[in-house]
C-alpha cells in the first residue's frame, strides 16, 4: 500500500542511499571502506588497460626507448669498378616510362 502511495506522489519517496564515493571517509564502516577500495582498484585497473594517445611530435616525457628511428627503406645500388672497389650508382630505370609512345602512321 505504501508503494502505491509513493507512486502517486502522496507520500514522499524514500531518499536513495548515497554512494560510497559521496560519503565522508570518517563515516564509512570497515566493510564499506573495503568495498570502496575494491571499486577504485577495479577502475584503476581498467584505466591502465587503455592506451594513451600520443601527439605527432611525442610528449616531452617520452624516453629514448619510446622514440625509435625507422631504418631506411631505400635501396643502394652498387657496382664493382675496374679496381675492384664498390661504387654507388643511380637506380636502374623503372619498367614504366613516362615518354609518349611514338606513333607511326602508315599510308596506303
PDB file of N, CA and C in Angstrom:
ATOM      1  N   UNK A   1       0.821  -1.183   0.000  1.00  0.00           N
ATOM      2  CA  UNK A   1       0.000   0.000   0.000  1.00  0.00           C
ATOM      3  C   UNK A   1       0.875   1.261   0.000  1.00  0.00           C
ATOM      4  N   UNK A   2       1.965   1.224   0.776  1.00  0.00           N
ATOM      5  CA  UNK A   2       2.850   2.376   0.845  1.00  0.00           C
ATOM      6  C   UNK A   2       3.507   2.627  -0.502  1.00  0.00           C
ATOM      7  N   UNK A   3       3.816   1.553  -1.256  1.00  0.00           N
ATOM      8  CA  UNK A   3       4.424   1.716  -2.569  1.00  0.00           C
ATOM      9  C   UNK A   3       3.474   2.421  -3.526  1.00  0.00           C
ATOM     10  N   UNK A   4       2.179   2.097  -3.451  1.00  0.00           N
ATOM     11  CA  UNK A   4       1.186   2.737  -4.317  1.00  0.00           C
ATOM     12  C   UNK A   4       1.078   4.223  -3.987  1.00  0.00           C
ATOM     13  N   UNK A   5       1.089   4.551  -2.691  1.00  0.00           N
ATOM     14  CA  UNK A   5       1.011   5.964  -2.297  1.00  0.00           C
ATOM     15  C   UNK A   5       2.262   6.721  -2.727  1.00  0.00           C
ATOM     16  N   UNK A   6       3.415   6.061  -2.697  1.00  0.00           N
ATOM     17  CA  UNK A   6       4.651   6.697  -3.162  1.00  0.00           C
ATOM     18  C   UNK A   6       4.605   6.898  -4.671  1.00  0.00           C
ATOM     19  N   UNK A   7       4.041   5.938  -5.397  1.00  0.00           N
ATOM     20  CA  UNK A   7       3.930   6.042  -6.848  1.00  0.00           C
ATOM     21  C   UNK A   7       3.010   7.192  -7.236  1.00  0.00           C
ATOM     22  N   UNK A   8       1.956   7.435  -6.444  1.00  0.00           N
ATOM     23  CA  UNK A   8       1.041   8.536  -6.710  1.00  0.00           C
ATOM     24  C   UNK A   8       1.566   9.862  -6.166  1.00  0.00           C
ATOM     25  N   UNK A   9       2.731   9.841  -5.579  1.00  0.00           N
ATOM     26  CA  UNK A   9       3.403  11.011  -5.018  1.00  0.00           C
ATOM     27  C   UNK A   9       2.621  11.621  -3.855  1.00  0.00           C
ATOM     28  N   UNK A  10       1.852  10.787  -3.173  1.00  0.00           N
ATOM     29  CA  UNK A  10       1.141  11.245  -1.982  1.00  0.00           C
ATOM     30  C   UNK A  10       2.102  11.213  -0.800  1.00  0.00           C
ATOM     31  N   UNK A  11       2.866  10.147  -0.715  1.00  0.00           N
ATOM     32  CA  UNK A  11       3.892  10.020   0.310  1.00  0.00           C
ATOM     33  C   UNK A  11       5.234  10.268  -0.375  1.00  0.00           C
ATOM     34  N   UNK A  12       6.110  10.973   0.318  1.00  0.00           N
ATOM     35  CA  UNK A  12       7.434  11.244  -0.254  1.00  0.00           C
ATOM     36  C   UNK A  12       8.198   9.944  -0.434  1.00  0.00           C
ATOM     37  N   UNK A  13       8.976   9.942  -1.455  1.00  0.00           N
ATOM     38  CA  UNK A  13       9.823   8.804  -1.771  1.00  0.00           C
ATOM     39  C   UNK A  13      10.903   8.650  -0.712  1.00  0.00           C
ATOM     40  N   UNK A  14      11.332   7.421  -0.469  1.00  0.00           N
ATOM     41  CA  UNK A  14      12.455   7.184   0.423  1.00  0.00           C
ATOM     42  C   UNK A  14      13.707   7.685  -0.291  1.00  0.00           C
ATOM     43  N   UNK A  15      14.506   8.527   0.373  1.00  0.00           N
ATOM     44  CA  UNK A  15      15.700   9.027  -0.325  1.00  0.00           C
ATOM     45  C   UNK A  15      16.634   7.872  -0.668  1.00  0.00           C
ATOM     46  N   UNK A  16      17.214   7.973  -1.860  1.00  0.00           N
ATOM     47  CA  UNK A  16      18.142   6.921  -2.276  1.00  0.00           C
ATOM     48  C   UNK A  16      19.407   7.033  -1.439  1.00  0.00           C
ATOM     49  N   UNK A  17      20.002   5.891  -1.128  1.00  0.00           N
ATOM     50  CA  UNK A  17      21.224   5.934  -0.313  1.00  0.00           C
ATOM     51  C   UNK A  17      22.346   6.600  -1.101  1.00  0.00           C
ATOM     52  N   UNK A  18      23.165   7.343  -0.394  1.00  0.00           N
ATOM     53  CA  UNK A  18      24.289   7.997  -1.065  1.00  0.00           C
ATOM     54  C   UNK A  18      25.346   6.943  -1.394  1.00  0.00           C
ATOM     55  N   UNK A  19      26.065   7.190  -2.457  1.00  0.00           N
ATOM     56  CA  UNK A  19      27.090   6.229  -2.858  1.00  0.00           C
ATOM     57  C   UNK A  19      28.282   6.338  -1.923  1.00  0.00           C
ATOM     58  N   UNK A  20      29.088   5.307  -1.915  1.00  0.00           N
ATOM     59  CA  UNK A  20      30.256   5.289  -1.042  1.00  0.00           C
ATOM     60  C   UNK A  20      31.230   6.405  -1.393  1.00  0.00           C
ATOM     61  N   UNK A  21      31.303   6.753  -2.676  1.00  0.00           N
ATOM     62  CA  UNK A  21      32.217   7.805  -3.098  1.00  0.00           C
ATOM     63  C   UNK A  21      31.797   9.166  -2.547  1.00  0.00           C
ATOM     64  N   UNK A  22      30.490   9.357  -2.319  1.00  0.00           N
ATOM     65  CA  UNK A  22      29.992  10.641  -1.836  1.00  0.00           C
ATOM     66  C   UNK A  22      30.057  10.761  -0.314  1.00  0.00           C
ATOM     67  N   UNK A  23      30.115   9.645   0.383  1.00  0.00           N
ATOM     68  CA  UNK A  23      30.104   9.682   1.852  1.00  0.00           C
ATOM     69  C   UNK A  23      31.464  10.133   2.390  1.00  0.00           C
ATOM     70  N   UNK A  24      31.477  10.864   3.506  1.00  0.00           N
ATOM     71  CA  UNK A  24      32.763  11.228   4.121  1.00  0.00           C
ATOM     72  C   UNK A  24      33.482   9.976   4.615  1.00  0.00           C
ATOM     73  N   UNK A  25      34.789   9.960   4.507  1.00  0.00           N
ATOM     74  CA  UNK A  25      35.565   8.775   4.885  1.00  0.00           C
ATOM     75  C   UNK A  25      35.414   8.450   6.370  1.00  0.00           C
ATOM     76  N   UNK A  26      35.206   9.465   7.185  1.00  0.00           N
ATOM     77  CA  UNK A  26      35.079   9.233   8.629  1.00  0.00           C
ATOM     78  C   UNK A  26      33.820   8.448   8.978  1.00  0.00           C
ATOM     79  N   UNK A  27      32.804   8.504   8.112  1.00  0.00           N
ATOM     80  CA  UNK A  27      31.532   7.834   8.401  1.00  0.00           C
ATOM     81  C   UNK A  27      31.452   6.426   7.822  1.00  0.00           C
ATOM     82  N   UNK A  28      32.436   6.000   7.053  1.00  0.00           N
ATOM     83  CA  UNK A  28      32.395   4.675   6.426  1.00  0.00           C
ATOM     84  C   UNK A  28      32.759   3.590   7.428  1.00  0.00           C
ATOM     85  N   UNK A  29      32.076   2.449   7.307  1.00  0.00           N
ATOM     86  CA  UNK A  29      32.436   1.294   8.128  1.00  0.00           C
ATOM     87  C   UNK A  29      33.593   0.581   7.457  1.00  0.00           C
ATOM     88  N   UNK A  30      34.161  -0.403   8.131  1.00  0.00           N
ATOM     89  CA  UNK A  30      35.296  -1.144   7.592  1.00  0.00           C
ATOM     90  C   UNK A  30      34.891  -1.875   6.304  1.00  0.00           C
ATOM     91  N   UNK A  31      33.711  -2.472   6.293  1.00  0.00           N
ATOM     92  CA  UNK A  31      33.248  -3.173   5.089  1.00  0.00           C
ATOM     93  C   UNK A  31      33.026  -2.203   3.931  1.00  0.00           C
ATOM     94  N   UNK A  32      32.479  -1.011   4.237  1.00  0.00           N
ATOM     95  CA  UNK A  32      32.257  -0.015   3.196  1.00  0.00           C
ATOM     96  C   UNK A  32      33.585   0.484   2.634  1.00  0.00           C
ATOM     97  N   UNK A  33      34.583   0.640   3.493  1.00  0.00           N
ATOM     98  CA  UNK A  33      35.901   1.067   3.025  1.00  0.00           C
ATOM     99  C   UNK A  33      36.519   0.020   2.104  1.00  0.00           C
ATOM    100  N   UNK A  34      36.361  -1.251   2.475  1.00  0.00           N
ATOM    101  CA  UNK A  34      36.895  -2.331   1.627  1.00  0.00           C
ATOM    102  C   UNK A  34      36.199  -2.332   0.267  1.00  0.00           C
ATOM    103  N   UNK A  35      34.888  -2.144   0.289  1.00  0.00           N
ATOM    104  CA  UNK A  35      34.130  -2.129  -0.958  1.00  0.00           C
ATOM    105  C   UNK A  35      34.553  -0.935  -1.827  1.00  0.00           C
ATOM    106  N   UNK A  36      34.745   0.218  -1.227  1.00  0.00           N
ATOM    107  CA  UNK A  36      35.183   1.405  -1.958  1.00  0.00           C
ATOM    108  C   UNK A  36      36.577   1.200  -2.544  1.00  0.00           C
ATOM    109  N   UNK A  37      37.477   0.611  -1.762  1.00  0.00           N
ATOM    110  CA  UNK A  37      38.822   0.345  -2.245  1.00  0.00           C
ATOM    111  C   UNK A  37      38.800  -0.640  -3.414  1.00  0.00           C
ATOM    112  N   UNK A  38      37.949  -1.654  -3.333  1.00  0.00           N
ATOM    113  CA  UNK A  38      37.818  -2.612  -4.428  1.00  0.00           C
ATOM    114  C   UNK A  38      37.329  -1.954  -5.709  1.00  0.00           C
ATOM    115  N   UNK A  39      36.365  -1.033  -5.589  1.00  0.00           N
ATOM    116  CA  UNK A  39      35.860  -0.317  -6.760  1.00  0.00           C
ATOM    117  C   UNK A  39      36.950   0.545  -7.383  1.00  0.00           C
ATOM    118  N   UNK A  40      37.715   1.240  -6.534  1.00  0.00           N
ATOM    119  CA  UNK A  40      38.768   2.109  -7.052  1.00  0.00           C
ATOM    120  C   UNK A  40      39.856   1.302  -7.738  1.00  0.00           C
ATOM    121  N   UNK A  41      40.213   0.164  -7.173  1.00  0.00           N
ATOM    122  CA  UNK A  41      41.239  -0.690  -7.805  1.00  0.00           C
ATOM    123  C   UNK A  41      40.749  -1.216  -9.147  1.00  0.00           C
ATOM    124  N   UNK A  42      39.472  -1.604  -9.209  1.00  0.00           N
ATOM    125  CA  UNK A  42      38.922  -2.101 -10.472  1.00  0.00           C
ATOM    126  C   UNK A  42      38.909  -0.985 -11.516  1.00  0.00           C
ATOM    127  N   UNK A  43      38.562   0.220 -11.108  1.00  0.00           N
ATOM    128  CA  UNK A  43      38.531   1.358 -12.023  1.00  0.00           C
ATOM    129  C   UNK A  43      39.940   1.687 -12.508  1.00  0.00           C
ATOM    130  N   UNK A  44      40.919   1.667 -11.594  1.00  0.00           N
ATOM    131  CA  UNK A  44      42.305   1.955 -11.976  1.00  0.00           C
ATOM    132  C   UNK A  44      42.864   0.867 -12.879  1.00  0.00           C
ATOM    133  N   UNK A  45      42.494  -0.381 -12.616  1.00  0.00           N
ATOM    134  CA  UNK A  45      42.960  -1.484 -13.461  1.00  0.00           C
ATOM    135  C   UNK A  45      42.392  -1.382 -14.860  1.00  0.00           C
ATOM    136  N   UNK A  46      41.142  -0.960 -14.974  1.00  0.00           N
ATOM    137  CA  UNK A  46      40.535  -0.802 -16.296  1.00  0.00           C
ATOM    138  C   UNK A  46      41.175   0.372 -17.027  1.00  0.00           C
ATOM    139  N   UNK A  47      41.503   1.424 -16.299  1.00  0.00           N
ATOM    140  CA  UNK A  47      42.131   2.591 -16.933  1.00  0.00           C
ATOM    141  C   UNK A  47      43.552   2.273 -17.381  1.00  0.00           C
ATOM    142  N   UNK A  48      44.232   1.377 -16.674  1.00  0.00           N
ATOM    143  CA  UNK A  48      45.606   1.024 -17.045  1.00  0.00           C
ATOM    144  C   UNK A  48      45.632   0.244 -18.358  1.00  0.00           C
ATOM    145  N   UNK A  49      44.540  -0.453 -18.693  1.00  0.00           N
ATOM    146  CA  UNK A  49      44.484  -1.219 -19.929  1.00  0.00           C
ATOM    147  C   UNK A  49      44.244  -0.365 -21.153  1.00  0.00           C
ATOM    148  N   UNK A  50      43.841   0.884 -20.977  1.00  0.00           N
ATOM    149  CA  UNK A  50      43.582   1.774 -22.096  1.00  0.00           C
ATOM    150  C   UNK A  50      44.867   2.498 -22.451  1.00  0.00           C
ATOM    151  N   UNK A  51      45.233   2.436 -23.716  1.00  0.00           N
ATOM    152  CA  UNK A  51      46.467   3.085 -24.141  1.00  0.00           C
ATOM    153  C   UNK A  51      46.238   4.579 -24.304  1.00  0.00           C
ATOM    154  N   UNK A  52      47.252   5.330 -23.971  1.00  0.00           N
ATOM    155  CA  UNK A  52      47.214   6.783 -24.062  1.00  0.00           C
ATOM    156  C   UNK A  52      47.598   7.185 -25.482  1.00  0.00           C
ATOM    157  N   UNK A  53      46.858   8.153 -26.034  1.00  0.00           N
ATOM    158  CA  UNK A  53      47.189   8.637 -27.364  1.00  0.00           C
ATOM    159  C   UNK A  53      48.411   9.541 -27.290  1.00  0.00           C
ATOM    160  N   UNK A  54      49.208   9.495 -28.332  1.00  0.00           N
ATOM    161  CA  UNK A  54      50.399  10.338 -28.369  1.00  0.00           C
ATOM    162  C   UNK A  54      50.227  11.362 -29.467  1.00  0.00           C
ATOM    163  N   UNK A  55      50.797  12.521 -29.260  1.00  0.00           N
ATOM    164  CA  UNK A  55      50.734  13.559 -30.280  1.00  0.00           C
ATOM    165  C   UNK A  55      51.731  13.231 -31.381  1.00  0.00           C
ATOM    166  N   UNK A  56      51.670  13.990 -32.466  1.00  0.00           N
ATOM    167  CA  UNK A  56      52.550  13.737 -33.606  1.00  0.00           C
ATOM    168  C   UNK A  56      54.025  13.813 -33.225  1.00  0.00           C
ATOM    169  N   UNK A  57      54.396  14.840 -32.484  1.00  0.00           N
ATOM    170  CA  UNK A  57      55.809  15.016 -32.156  1.00  0.00           C
ATOM    171  C   UNK A  57      56.195  14.299 -30.883  1.00  0.00           C
ATOM    172  N   UNK A  58      55.240  13.669 -30.214  1.00  0.00           N
ATOM    173  CA  UNK A  58      55.542  12.961 -28.970  1.00  0.00           C
ATOM    174  C   UNK A  58      55.530  13.915 -27.796  1.00  0.00           C
ATOM    175  N   UNK A  59      55.366  13.385 -26.630  1.00  0.00           N
ATOM    176  CA  UNK A  59      55.336  14.241 -25.448  1.00  0.00           C
ATOM    177  C   UNK A  59      56.756  14.450 -24.943  1.00  0.00           C
ATOM    178  N   UNK A  60      56.981  15.515 -24.173  1.00  0.00           N
ATOM    179  CA  UNK A  60      58.344  15.768 -23.683  1.00  0.00           C
ATOM    180  C   UNK A  60      58.826  14.712 -22.700  1.00  0.00           C
ATOM    181  N   UNK A  61      57.913  13.895 -22.184  1.00  0.00           N
ATOM    182  CA  UNK A  61      58.295  12.864 -21.217  1.00  0.00           C
ATOM    183  C   UNK A  61      58.674  11.548 -21.891  1.00  0.00           C
ATOM    184  N   UNK A  62      58.626  11.489 -23.215  1.00  0.00           N
ATOM    185  CA  UNK A  62      58.987  10.246 -23.907  1.00  0.00           C
ATOM    186  C   UNK A  62      60.459   9.943 -23.704  1.00  0.00           C
ATOM    187  N   UNK A  63      60.748   8.706 -23.384  1.00  0.00           N
ATOM    188  CA  UNK A  63      62.130   8.297 -23.184  1.00  0.00           C
ATOM    189  C   UNK A  63      62.718   7.864 -24.524  1.00  0.00           C
ATOM    190  N   UNK A  64      64.028   7.772 -24.636  1.00  0.00           N
ATOM    191  CA  UNK A  64      64.625   7.348 -25.902  1.00  0.00           C
ATOM    192  C   UNK A  64      64.143   5.973 -26.348  1.00  0.00           C
ATOM    193  N   UNK A  65      63.761   5.103 -25.391  1.00  0.00           N
ATOM    194  CA  UNK A  65      63.268   3.787 -25.784  1.00  0.00           C
ATOM    195  C   UNK A  65      61.940   3.910 -26.514  1.00  0.00           C
ATOM    196  N   UNK A  66      61.152   4.935 -26.168  1.00  0.00           N
ATOM    197  CA  UNK A  66      59.858   5.112 -26.802  1.00  0.00           C
ATOM    198  C   UNK A  66      59.996   5.785 -28.158  1.00  0.00           C
ATOM    199  N   UNK A  67      61.039   6.566 -28.349  1.00  0.00           N
ATOM    200  CA  UNK A  67      61.270   7.231 -29.622  1.00  0.00           C
ATOM    201  C   UNK A  67      62.300   6.427 -30.392  1.00  0.00           C
ATOM    202  N   UNK A  68      61.849   5.707 -31.378  1.00  0.00           N
ATOM    203  CA  UNK A  68      62.754   4.906 -32.191  1.00  0.00           C
ATOM    204  C   UNK A  68      62.761   5.449 -33.607  1.00  0.00           C
ATOM    205  N   UNK A  69      63.924   5.476 -34.195  1.00  0.00           N
ATOM    206  CA  UNK A  69      64.011   5.918 -35.577  1.00  0.00           C
ATOM    207  C   UNK A  69      63.800   4.709 -36.471  1.00  0.00           C
ATOM    208  N   UNK A  70      63.160   4.958 -37.577  1.00  0.00           N
ATOM    209  CA  UNK A  70      62.936   3.870 -38.523  1.00  0.00           C
ATOM    210  C   UNK A  70      64.184   3.664 -39.362  1.00  0.00           C
ATOM    211  N   UNK A  71      64.394   2.435 -39.710  1.00  0.00           N
ATOM    212  CA  UNK A  71      65.509   2.145 -40.602  1.00  0.00           C
ATOM    213  C   UNK A  71      65.136   2.590 -42.003  1.00  0.00           C
ATOM    214  N   UNK A  72      66.108   2.997 -42.734  1.00  0.00           N
ATOM    215  CA  UNK A  72      65.867   3.472 -44.090  1.00  0.00           C
ATOM    216  C   UNK A  72      65.420   2.306 -44.963  1.00  0.00           C
ATOM    217  N   UNK A  73      64.423   2.562 -45.781  1.00  0.00           N
ATOM    218  CA  UNK A  73      63.939   1.517 -46.678  1.00  0.00           C
ATOM    219  C   UNK A  73      64.457   1.714 -48.099  1.00  0.00           C
ATOM    220  N   UNK A  74      65.312   2.725 -48.290  1.00  0.00           N
ATOM    221  CA  UNK A  74      65.824   2.960 -49.630  1.00  0.00           C
ATOM    222  C   UNK A  74      66.860   1.884 -49.974  1.00  0.00           C
ATOM    223  N   UNK A  75      66.998   1.627 -51.255  1.00  0.00           N
ATOM    224  CA  UNK A  75      67.919   0.602 -51.729  1.00  0.00           C
ATOM    225  C   UNK A  75      69.152   1.272 -52.322  1.00  0.00           C
ATOM    226  N   UNK A  76      70.311   0.783 -51.965  1.00  0.00           N
ATOM    227  CA  UNK A  76      71.560   1.297 -52.527  1.00  0.00           C
ATOM    228  C   UNK A  76      71.975   0.375 -53.667  1.00  0.00           C
ATOM    229  N   UNK A  77      72.329   0.964 -54.794  1.00  0.00           N
ATOM    230  CA  UNK A  77      72.784   0.191 -55.942  1.00  0.00           C
ATOM    231  C   UNK A  77      74.295   0.338 -56.035  1.00  0.00           C
ATOM    232  N   UNK A  78      74.971  -0.797 -55.995  1.00  0.00           N
ATOM    233  CA  UNK A  78      76.432  -0.803 -56.011  1.00  0.00           C
ATOM    234  C   UNK A  78      76.939  -1.562 -57.231  1.00  0.00           C
ATOM    235  N   UNK A  79      78.044  -1.062 -57.775  1.00  0.00           N
ATOM    236  CA  UNK A  79      78.721  -1.758 -58.862  1.00  0.00           C
ATOM    237  C   UNK A  79      80.186  -1.888 -58.487  1.00  0.00           C
ATOM    238  N   UNK A  80      80.820  -2.857 -59.077  1.00  0.00           N
ATOM    239  CA  UNK A  80      82.259  -3.023 -58.849  1.00  0.00           C
ATOM    240  C   UNK A  80      82.980  -2.370 -60.017  1.00  0.00           C
ATOM    241  N   UNK A  81      83.870  -1.435 -59.687  1.00  0.00           N
ATOM    242  CA  UNK A  81      84.606  -0.753 -60.763  1.00  0.00           C
ATOM    243  C   UNK A  81      85.824  -1.584 -61.175  1.00  0.00           C
ATOM    244  N   UNK A  82      86.640  -1.044 -62.050  1.00  0.00           N
ATOM    245  CA  UNK A  82      87.809  -1.764 -62.591  1.00  0.00           C
ATOM    246  C   UNK A  82      88.832  -2.097 -61.514  1.00  0.00           C
ATOM    247  N   UNK A  83      88.899  -1.300 -60.439  1.00  0.00           N
ATOM    248  CA  UNK A  83      89.865  -1.540 -59.365  1.00  0.00           C
ATOM    249  C   UNK A  83      89.357  -2.557 -58.343  1.00  0.00           C
ATOM    250  N   UNK A  84      88.117  -3.000 -58.482  1.00  0.00           N
ATOM    251  CA  UNK A  84      87.535  -3.950 -57.534  1.00  0.00           C
ATOM    252  C   UNK A  84      86.852  -3.269 -56.361  1.00  0.00           C
ATOM    253  N   UNK A  85      86.686  -1.941 -56.431  1.00  0.00           N
ATOM    254  CA  UNK A  85      86.008  -1.212 -55.363  1.00  0.00           C
ATOM    255  C   UNK A  85      84.511  -1.092 -55.680  1.00  0.00           C
ATOM    256  N   UNK A  86      83.730  -0.959 -54.614  1.00  0.00           N
ATOM    257  CA  UNK A  86      82.303  -0.762 -54.796  1.00  0.00           C
ATOM    258  C   UNK A  86      82.019   0.710 -55.014  1.00  0.00           C
ATOM    259  N   UNK A  87      81.164   1.002 -55.994  1.00  0.00           N
ATOM    260  CA  UNK A  87      80.779   2.376 -56.322  1.00  0.00           C
ATOM    261  C   UNK A  87      79.256   2.430 -56.343  1.00  0.00           C
ATOM    262  N   UNK A  88      78.686   3.436 -55.658  1.00  0.00           N
ATOM    263  CA  UNK A  88      77.233   3.578 -55.662  1.00  0.00           C
ATOM    264  C   UNK A  88      76.796   4.189 -56.980  1.00  0.00           C
ATOM    265  N   UNK A  89      75.773   3.595 -57.584  1.00  0.00           N
ATOM    266  CA  UNK A  89      75.273   4.058 -58.879  1.00  0.00           C
ATOM    267  C   UNK A  89      73.805   4.435 -58.744  1.00  0.00           C
ATOM    268  N   UNK A  90      73.282   5.203 -59.670  1.00  0.00           N
ATOM    269  CA  UNK A  90      71.851   5.534 -59.617  1.00  0.00           C
ATOM    270  C   UNK A  90      71.029   4.277 -59.888  1.00  0.00           C
ATOM    271  N   UNK A  91      69.798   4.254 -59.420  1.00  0.00           N
ATOM    272  CA  UNK A  91      68.961   3.061 -59.634  1.00  0.00           C
ATOM    273  C   UNK A  91      68.667   2.869 -61.113  1.00  0.00           C
ATOM    274  N   UNK A  92      68.433   1.640 -61.522  1.00  0.00           N
ATOM    275  CA  UNK A  92      68.121   1.391 -62.929  1.00  0.00           C
ATOM    276  C   UNK A  92      66.771   2.031 -63.270  1.00  0.00           C
ATOM    277  N   UNK A  93      66.542   2.310 -64.535  1.00  0.00           N
ATOM    278  CA  UNK A  93      65.269   2.932 -64.913  1.00  0.00           C
ATOM    279  C   UNK A  93      64.108   1.992 -64.597  1.00  0.00           C
ATOM    280  N   UNK A  94      62.987   2.597 -64.272  1.00  0.00           N
ATOM    281  CA  UNK A  94      61.816   1.783 -63.941  1.00  0.00           C
ATOM    282  C   UNK A  94      61.275   1.143 -65.209  1.00  0.00           C
ATOM    283  N   UNK A  95      60.449   0.144 -65.037  1.00  0.00           N
ATOM    284  CA  UNK A  95      59.895  -0.562 -66.183  1.00  0.00           C
ATOM    285  C   UNK A  95      58.918   0.326 -66.943  1.00  0.00           C
ATOM    286  N   UNK A  96      58.231   1.182 -66.222  1.00  0.00           N
ATOM    287  CA  UNK A  96      57.306   2.106 -66.877  1.00  0.00           C
ATOM    288  C   UNK A  96      58.059   3.372 -67.268  1.00  0.00           C
ATOM    289  N   UNK A  97      57.758   3.864 -68.417  1.00  0.00           N
ATOM    290  CA  UNK A  97      58.347   5.125 -68.839  1.00  0.00           C
ATOM    291  C   UNK A  97      57.225   6.105 -69.073  1.00  0.00           C
ATOM    292  N   UNK A  98      57.508   7.341 -68.788  1.00  0.00           N
ATOM    293  CA  UNK A  98      56.510   8.380 -68.973  1.00  0.00           C
ATOM    294  C   UNK A  98      56.585   9.000 -70.366  1.00  0.00           C
ATOM    295  N   UNK A  99      57.498   8.515 -71.169  1.00  0.00           N
ATOM    296  CA  UNK A  99      57.648   9.053 -72.512  1.00  0.00           C
ATOM    297  C   UNK A  99      56.455   8.630 -73.360  1.00  0.00           C
ATOM    298  N   UNK A 100      56.033   9.513 -74.195  1.00  0.00           N
ATOM    299  CA  UNK A 100      54.902   9.195 -75.098  1.00  0.00           C
ATOM    300  C   UNK A 100      55.386   8.186 -76.138  1.00  0.00           C
ATOM    301  N   UNK A 101      54.549   7.244 -76.439  1.00  0.00           N
ATOM    302  CA  UNK A 101      54.902   6.236 -77.444  1.00  0.00           C
ATOM    303  C   UNK A 101      54.923   6.885 -78.833  1.00  0.00           C
ATOM    304  N   UNK A 102      55.884   6.462 -79.631  1.00  0.00           N
ATOM    305  CA  UNK A 102      55.992   7.016 -80.971  1.00  0.00           C
ATOM    306  C   UNK A 102      54.897   6.405 -81.845  1.00  0.00           C
ATOM    307  N   UNK A 103      54.172   7.275 -82.498  1.00  0.00           N
ATOM    308  CA  UNK A 103      53.076   6.807 -83.358  1.00  0.00           C
ATOM    309  C   UNK A 103      53.557   6.886 -84.798  1.00  0.00           C
ATOM    310  N   UNK A 104      53.465   5.772 -85.483  1.00  0.00           N
ATOM    311  CA  UNK A 104      53.862   5.710 -86.890  1.00  0.00           C
ATOM    312  C   UNK A 104      52.610   5.479 -87.723  1.00  0.00           C
ATOM    313  N   UNK A 105      52.390   6.405 -88.651  1.00  0.00           N
ATOM    314  CA  UNK A 105      51.217   6.272 -89.497  1.00  0.00           C
ATOM    315  C   UNK A 105      51.643   5.697 -90.827  1.00  0.00           C
ATOM    316  N   UNK A 106      50.971   4.665 -91.231  1.00  0.00           N
ATOM    317  CA  UNK A 106      51.305   4.013 -92.481  1.00  0.00           C
ATOM    318  C   UNK A 106      50.261   4.426 -93.498  1.00  0.00           C
ATOM    319  N   UNK A 107      50.716   5.060 -94.613  1.00  0.00           N
ATOM    320  CA  UNK A 107      49.790   5.480 -95.667  1.00  0.00           C
ATOM    321  C   UNK A 107      49.769   4.424 -96.766  1.00  0.00           C
ATOM    322  N   UNK A 108      48.614   4.156 -97.255  1.00  0.00           N
ATOM    323  CA  UNK A 108      48.485   3.182 -98.331  1.00  0.00           C
ATOM    324  C   UNK A 108      48.624   3.813 -99.672  1.00  0.00           C
TER     325      UNK A 108
END
